[in-house]
Amino acid sequence: MPTKCCSCLGRVLLSLIFVMSAIHKISAWNETAEQMTRVGIPAVPLMLMGAIVFELGGGLSVMFGVKARLGAVLLILFLIPTTAIFHDFWSHEGSERQMQMIQFMKNLAILGGLLLVASFGPGVCCVLGGRRTDPDKPLAEGAAT
């Protein structure tokens, strides 16, 4: 499969979970706010709006390859506390512990993909500018990030 297709498809697949999650939070605002309240999140309306901005902004940025490094950093900043707060497998027992551990590990895998985007940029296929002749050569600092 050509590098260009892999780069685009990889970014879309990596970011889709965040974009869909943001849309769900918007459409199920009250239910999401209740869940956040249950786990002790302070200032729920502000934090919920922040989560939506980080997920939607970062997700679309990575998806389209526009300021993808910045978008990946936003998603990393969102994902770390979210993973620790909502997938605290160490405080559960039995099958719930196993389910939360799977979710925790899934988020670590996503974090790995985001670290790659933050490190190497969007790749060869992006909406604005990031085309390169050598896909194995990292983007120059500041170029099509």
Protein backbone atom coordinates (compact mmCIF):
# COMPACT_ATOMS: atom_id res chain seq x y z
CA MET A 1 0.00 0.00 0.00
CA PRO A 2 1.49 3.40 -0.91
CA THR A 3 2.84 5.53 1.90
CA LYS A 4 0.44 8.34 1.04
CA CYS A 5 -2.61 6.12 1.55
CA CYS A 6 -1.22 4.63 4.75
CA SER A 7 -0.52 8.06 6.19
CA CYS A 8 -4.01 9.36 5.44
CA LEU A 9 -5.82 6.21 6.53
CA GLY A 10 -3.74 5.94 9.70
CA ARG A 11 -4.54 9.49 10.74
CA VAL A 12 -8.25 9.07 9.99
CA LEU A 13 -8.46 5.84 11.98
CA LEU A 14 -6.41 7.28 14.86
CA SER A 15 -8.51 10.44 15.15
CA LEU A 16 -11.99 9.04 14.45
CA ILE A 17 -12.49 7.86 18.04
CA PHE A 18 -11.94 11.41 19.31
CA VAL A 19 -14.19 13.09 16.76
CA MET A 20 -17.00 10.59 17.38
CA SER A 21 -16.57 10.91 21.14
CA ALA A 22 -16.83 14.70 20.94
CA ILE A 23 -20.01 14.45 18.87
CA HIS A 24 -21.45 12.01 21.41
CA LYS A 25 -20.59 14.36 24.28
CA ILE A 26 -22.43 17.18 22.50
CA SER A 27 -25.50 15.05 21.77
CA ALA A 28 -25.54 13.46 25.24
CA TRP A 29 -24.39 16.46 27.25
CA ASN A 30 -26.45 15.71 30.39
CA GLU A 31 -25.52 12.03 30.54
CA THR A 32 -21.83 12.83 30.05
CA ALA A 33 -22.01 15.54 32.73
CA GLU A 34 -23.58 13.06 35.16
CA GLN A 35 -20.83 10.53 34.50
CA MET A 36 -18.16 13.19 35.06
CA THR A 37 -19.85 14.24 38.31
CA ARG A 38 -19.92 10.61 39.52
CA VAL A 39 -16.13 10.30 39.20
CA GLY A 40 -15.55 13.62 40.96
CA ILE A 41 -14.61 15.93 38.09
CA PRO A 42 -14.83 19.57 39.28
CA ALA A 43 -16.44 22.39 37.28
CA VAL A 44 -18.20 19.86 35.05
CA PRO A 45 -19.66 22.26 32.43
CA LEU A 46 -16.26 23.89 31.87
CA MET A 47 -14.39 20.58 31.83
CA LEU A 48 -16.95 19.01 29.49
CA MET A 49 -16.67 21.92 27.06
CA GLY A 50 -12.87 21.64 27.30
CA ALA A 51 -13.02 17.92 26.55
CA ILE A 52 -15.15 18.59 23.46
CA VAL A 53 -12.78 21.31 22.23
CA PHE A 54 -9.71 19.11 22.75
CA GLU A 55 -11.28 16.03 21.16
CA LEU A 56 -12.93 17.77 18.22
CA GLY A 57 -10.15 20.28 17.56
CA GLY A 58 -7.33 17.81 18.04
CA GLY A 59 -9.17 15.01 16.25
CA LEU A 60 -9.96 17.06 13.15
CA SER A 61 -6.45 18.49 13.12
CA VAL A 62 -4.87 15.03 13.10
CA MET A 63 -7.49 13.66 10.70
CA PHE A 64 -6.89 16.31 8.03
CA GLY A 65 -3.19 16.77 8.71
CA VAL A 66 -3.58 20.48 9.42
CA LYS A 67 -1.39 21.44 12.39
CA ALA A 68 -1.36 17.70 13.10
CA ARG A 69 1.48 17.90 15.62
CA LEU A 70 -0.42 20.47 17.67
CA GLY A 71 -3.61 18.40 17.36
CA ALA A 72 -1.76 15.30 18.54
CA VAL A 73 -0.39 17.19 21.56
CA LEU A 74 -3.91 18.38 22.44
CA LEU A 75 -5.18 14.81 22.27
CA ILE A 76 -2.25 13.57 24.38
CA LEU A 77 -3.01 16.21 27.02
CA PHE A 78 -6.64 15.09 26.98
CA LEU A 79 -5.94 11.36 26.93
CA ILE A 80 -3.52 11.05 29.86
CA PRO A 81 -5.81 12.30 32.64
CA THR A 82 -8.89 10.78 30.99
CA THR A 83 -7.26 7.36 30.98
CA ALA A 84 -6.15 7.60 34.60
CA ILE A 85 -9.53 8.86 35.83
CA PHE A 86 -11.99 6.79 33.82
CA HIS A 87 -10.05 3.53 33.37
CA ASP A 88 -8.59 3.02 36.85
CA PHE A 89 -8.49 -0.77 36.61
CA TRP A 90 -6.45 -0.97 39.83
CA SER A 91 -9.52 0.06 41.85
CA HIS A 92 -11.81 -2.65 40.44
CA GLU A 93 -12.20 -6.39 40.89
CA GLY A 94 -13.06 -9.32 38.65
CA SER A 95 -14.43 -8.79 35.16
CA GLU A 96 -14.76 -5.02 35.66
CA ARG A 97 -11.03 -4.87 36.41
CA GLN A 98 -10.28 -6.79 33.21
CA MET A 99 -12.56 -4.55 31.13
CA GLN A 100 -10.99 -1.38 32.53
CA MET A 101 -7.49 -2.75 31.96
CA ILE A 102 -8.34 -3.42 28.30
CA GLN A 103 -9.63 0.16 27.94
CA PHE A 104 -6.52 1.48 29.70
CA MET A 105 -4.22 -0.49 27.38
CA LYS A 106 -6.24 0.62 24.31
CA ASN A 107 -5.68 4.22 25.34
CA LEU A 108 -1.95 3.55 25.75
CA ALA A 109 -1.87 2.22 22.19
CA ILE A 110 -3.68 5.33 20.94
CA LEU A 111 -1.23 7.44 22.94
CA GLY A 112 1.60 5.70 21.08
CA GLY A 113 0.07 6.62 17.73
CA LEU A 114 -0.39 10.22 18.84
CA LEU A 115 3.23 10.38 19.98
CA LEU A 116 4.25 9.30 16.46
CA VAL A 117 2.16 12.06 14.88
CA ALA A 118 3.54 14.60 17.39
CA SER A 119 7.09 13.47 16.58
CA PHE A 120 6.98 13.01 12.81
CA GLY A 121 4.07 15.16 11.66
CA PRO A 122 1.16 14.23 9.42
CA GLY A 123 3.05 12.31 6.76
CA VAL A 124 2.78 12.80 3.02
CA CYS A 125 -0.97 13.27 2.66
CA CYS A 126 -2.59 16.22 4.33
CA VAL A 127 -5.01 18.97 3.41
CA LEU A 128 -2.56 21.89 3.52
CA GLY A 129 0.95 21.57 2.31
CA GLY A 130 2.57 18.49 3.90
CA ARG A 131 3.60 16.84 0.65
CA ARG A 132 7.16 15.54 0.57
CA THR A 133 9.21 13.74 -2.00
CA ASP A 134 10.89 11.47 0.55
CA PRO A 135 8.33 9.92 2.95
CA ASP A 136 11.13 8.48 5.12
CA LYS A 137 12.62 11.90 5.84
CA PRO A 138 11.00 13.74 8.79
CA LEU A 139 9.42 17.10 8.08
CA ALA A 140 11.62 20.11 8.71
CA GLU A 141 10.80 21.90 11.94
CA GLY A 142 7.77 24.12 11.45
CA ALA A 143 6.86 22.71 8.02
CA ALA A 144 3.27 21.48 7.61
CA THR A 145 2.83 20.60 11.24
